[in-house]
Amino acid sequence: MHLERSLTLKVFVRDNNVEQALRILKKKLQRDGLFREIKRRKAYEKPSERKAREKVEAIRRVRKAARKLAQREGLVASPRIKRPTFGRPSIGPSSLRFNIREM
């Protein structure tokens, strides 16, 4: 099976900020699956290995779709978003320490 893809990606460089444009390009290529495809094609893949990989990928896709559907219907709670903590945490062993001079 040979897939012909028309790859037309445009990334605009704003204010001569090439680093930001490269980050955006890399993110677009990552989402498109190009890096995964290059890694997969580095070495020959036997037909049996290909079938096993495709089967695992299909199972993963079906499970993800079912999980997303359950989240939309409210049957399963959405995953919690980890918020970054700035500074020292208020709870933990570091906050339980005390200064002997204060006593």
Protein backbone atom coordinates (compact mmCIF):
# COMPACT_ATOMS: atom_id res chain seq x y z
CA MET A 1 0.00 0.00 0.00
CA HIS A 2 1.62 3.19 -1.19
CA LEU A 3 0.18 6.44 0.06
CA GLU A 4 0.91 9.60 -1.86
CA ARG A 5 0.71 12.61 0.40
CA SER A 6 0.58 16.17 -0.69
CA LEU A 7 2.62 17.82 2.03
CA THR A 8 2.06 21.55 1.99
CA LEU A 9 3.15 23.15 5.23
CA LYS A 10 3.68 26.84 5.59
CA VAL A 11 5.39 28.46 8.52
CA PHE A 12 5.77 32.20 8.58
CA VAL A 13 8.79 33.85 10.19
CA ARG A 14 7.69 36.87 12.18
CA ASP A 15 10.09 39.60 13.27
CA ASN A 16 13.10 37.53 12.09
CA ASN A 17 12.36 35.01 14.85
CA VAL A 18 13.63 31.87 13.12
CA GLU A 19 13.80 29.82 16.34
CA GLN A 20 10.09 30.25 16.95
CA ALA A 21 9.31 29.35 13.32
CA LEU A 22 11.42 26.18 13.65
CA ARG A 23 9.56 25.23 16.84
CA ILE A 24 6.24 25.70 15.06
CA LEU A 25 7.43 23.66 12.06
CA LYS A 26 8.66 20.87 14.31
CA LYS A 27 5.31 20.81 16.13
CA LYS A 28 3.42 20.61 12.82
CA LEU A 29 5.64 17.78 11.58
CA GLN A 30 5.21 15.96 14.91
CA ARG A 31 1.40 16.20 14.64
CA ASP A 32 1.55 15.00 11.04
CA GLY A 33 3.46 11.89 12.14
CA LEU A 34 6.50 12.51 9.96
CA PHE A 35 9.07 11.75 12.68
CA ARG A 36 7.31 8.50 13.56
CA GLU A 37 7.28 7.52 9.87
CA ILE A 38 10.99 8.29 9.44
CA LYS A 39 11.87 6.28 12.55
CA ARG A 40 9.74 3.38 11.34
CA ARG A 41 11.37 3.33 7.90
CA LYS A 42 14.97 3.37 9.16
CA ALA A 43 15.08 -0.42 9.05
CA TYR A 44 13.16 -3.09 7.17
CA GLU A 45 9.97 -4.21 8.86
CA LYS A 46 8.88 -7.78 8.25
CA PRO A 47 5.27 -8.24 7.15
CA SER A 48 4.45 -10.15 10.35
CA GLU A 49 5.90 -7.33 12.48
CA ARG A 50 3.93 -4.78 10.41
CA LYS A 51 0.67 -6.65 10.96
CA ALA A 52 1.33 -6.89 14.70
CA ARG A 53 2.16 -3.16 14.91
CA GLU A 54 -0.91 -2.17 12.92
CA LYS A 55 -3.09 -4.38 15.12
CA VAL A 56 -1.72 -2.74 18.29
CA GLU A 57 -2.22 0.73 16.77
CA ALA A 58 -5.82 -0.13 15.83
CA ILE A 59 -6.57 -1.37 19.36
CA ARG A 60 -5.04 1.82 20.79
CA ARG A 61 -7.16 3.98 18.45
CA VAL A 62 -10.37 2.14 19.38
CA ARG A 63 -9.65 2.42 23.12
CA LYS A 64 -8.85 6.12 22.80
CA ALA A 65 -12.06 6.77 20.85
CA ALA A 66 -14.11 4.86 23.45
CA ARG A 67 -12.43 6.77 26.29
CA LYS A 68 -13.10 10.12 24.61
CA LEU A 69 -16.73 9.16 23.99
CA ALA A 70 -17.17 8.11 27.63
CA GLN A 71 -15.66 11.42 28.78
CA ARG A 72 -18.00 13.40 26.53
CA GLU A 73 -21.01 11.47 27.83
CA GLY A 74 -19.90 12.01 31.42
CA LEU A 75 -19.44 8.32 32.23
CA VAL A 76 -15.76 8.78 33.03
CA ALA A 77 -14.15 11.80 34.63
CA SER A 78 -11.80 13.81 32.46
CA PRO A 79 -8.12 13.50 33.32
CA ARG A 80 -6.87 16.09 35.76
CA ILE A 81 -4.62 18.78 34.39
CA LYS A 82 -1.45 19.13 36.40
CA ARG A 83 -0.92 22.76 37.18
CA PRO A 84 2.66 23.93 37.69
CA THR A 85 3.48 25.06 41.20
CA PHE A 86 5.71 28.07 41.57
CA GLY A 87 7.88 28.52 44.61
CA ARG A 88 7.92 26.12 47.51
CA PRO A 89 5.00 23.76 48.02
CA SER A 90 2.87 24.51 51.06
CA ILE A 91 2.58 20.85 52.08
CA GLY A 92 5.47 18.44 52.35
CA PRO A 93 8.53 17.58 54.37
CA SER A 94 10.23 20.89 53.60
CA SER A 95 7.36 22.86 55.14
CA LEU A 96 7.40 20.70 58.29
CA ARG A 97 10.93 21.70 59.18
CA PHE A 98 11.30 24.25 61.91
CA ASN A 99 14.07 26.42 63.16
CA ILE A 100 15.42 25.54 66.58
CA ARG A 101 16.13 29.23 67.37
CA GLU A 102 12.43 30.05 67.05
CA MET A 103 11.51 27.67 69.90
